[in-house]
Amino acid sequence: MDTTKIDPKLLNSPLFQELMAEGLAMQDRFAAEPVYAKTGKGYLKSAGVEELKKIKDSTQQKAK
C-alpha cells in the first residue's frame, strides 16, 4: 500500500509544477548504479551537446 500523498495545495503551485516537469524531463538520464564503489549514490548521465545548447538558450530567453 502506498502511503505517500502529495498535499493538494502543492499540486496547484506553479513552482511545484515547474520542478516536477524538470524532474520528469531528466529522469531518463539518472543512473541509480554507483560509479566507483557501493556508495548507494547514483549519478546523472551527461546530456548531449544539442540538449545543453537548448537549455542555455532557454535560460537566456527567460533572463530577457
Protein backbone atom coordinates (compact mmCIF):
# COMPACT_ATOMS: atom_id res chain seq x y z
CA MET A 1 0.00 0.00 0.00
CA ASP A 2 1.39 3.40 -1.00
CA THR A 3 1.13 5.83 1.90
CA THR A 4 2.88 8.71 0.09
CA LYS A 5 0.45 11.50 -0.68
CA ILE A 6 1.02 14.93 -2.16
CA ASP A 7 -0.64 17.85 -0.42
CA PRO A 8 -3.44 19.10 -2.75
CA LYS A 9 -2.28 22.70 -2.18
CA LEU A 10 1.10 21.76 -3.67
CA LEU A 11 -0.48 20.36 -6.82
CA ASN A 12 -1.75 23.84 -7.73
CA SER A 13 1.57 25.58 -7.01
CA PRO A 14 3.33 26.86 -10.17
CA LEU A 15 6.74 26.26 -8.56
CA PHE A 16 5.86 22.66 -7.71
CA GLN A 17 4.59 22.07 -11.26
CA GLU A 18 7.78 23.53 -12.76
CA LEU A 19 10.01 21.42 -10.50
CA MET A 20 8.05 18.26 -11.28
CA ALA A 21 8.30 18.94 -15.03
CA GLU A 22 12.07 19.44 -14.79
CA GLY A 23 12.49 16.33 -12.66
CA LEU A 24 10.48 14.18 -15.03
CA ALA A 25 12.33 15.59 -18.06
CA MET A 26 15.71 14.48 -16.68
CA GLN A 27 14.53 11.21 -15.14
CA ASP A 28 15.81 9.11 -18.07
CA ARG A 29 19.34 10.48 -17.52
CA PHE A 30 19.61 9.33 -13.90
CA ALA A 31 21.59 6.13 -13.37
CA ALA A 32 21.00 4.58 -9.97
CA GLU A 33 24.09 2.37 -10.02
CA PRO A 34 27.17 3.69 -8.21
CA VAL A 35 30.08 4.89 -10.34
CA TYR A 36 33.16 3.76 -8.41
CA ALA A 37 32.03 1.97 -5.28
CA LYS A 38 28.95 0.76 -3.48
CA THR A 39 28.15 4.17 -2.04
CA GLY A 40 24.43 3.94 -2.63
CA LYS A 41 24.57 7.10 -4.69
CA GLY A 42 23.84 7.24 -8.39
CA TYR A 43 24.82 9.81 -10.96
CA LEU A 44 23.33 11.90 -13.73
CA LYS A 45 24.40 10.89 -17.23
CA SER A 46 25.84 13.67 -19.33
CA ALA A 47 23.46 15.43 -21.69
CA GLY A 48 24.36 15.77 -25.34
CA VAL A 49 25.63 18.99 -26.89
CA GLU A 50 22.28 19.77 -28.54
CA GLU A 51 20.37 19.37 -25.28
CA LEU A 52 22.82 21.60 -23.40
CA LYS A 53 22.54 24.24 -26.14
CA LYS A 54 18.72 24.19 -25.83
CA ILE A 55 18.98 24.60 -22.05
CA LYS A 56 21.40 27.50 -22.39
CA ASP A 57 19.20 29.20 -25.00
CA SER A 58 16.05 28.80 -22.89
CA THR A 59 17.69 30.25 -19.78
CA GLN A 60 18.92 33.23 -21.81
CA GLN A 61 15.38 33.78 -23.14
CA LYS A 62 13.96 33.72 -19.59
CA ALA A 63 16.56 36.27 -18.45
CA LYS A 64 15.42 38.80 -21.08
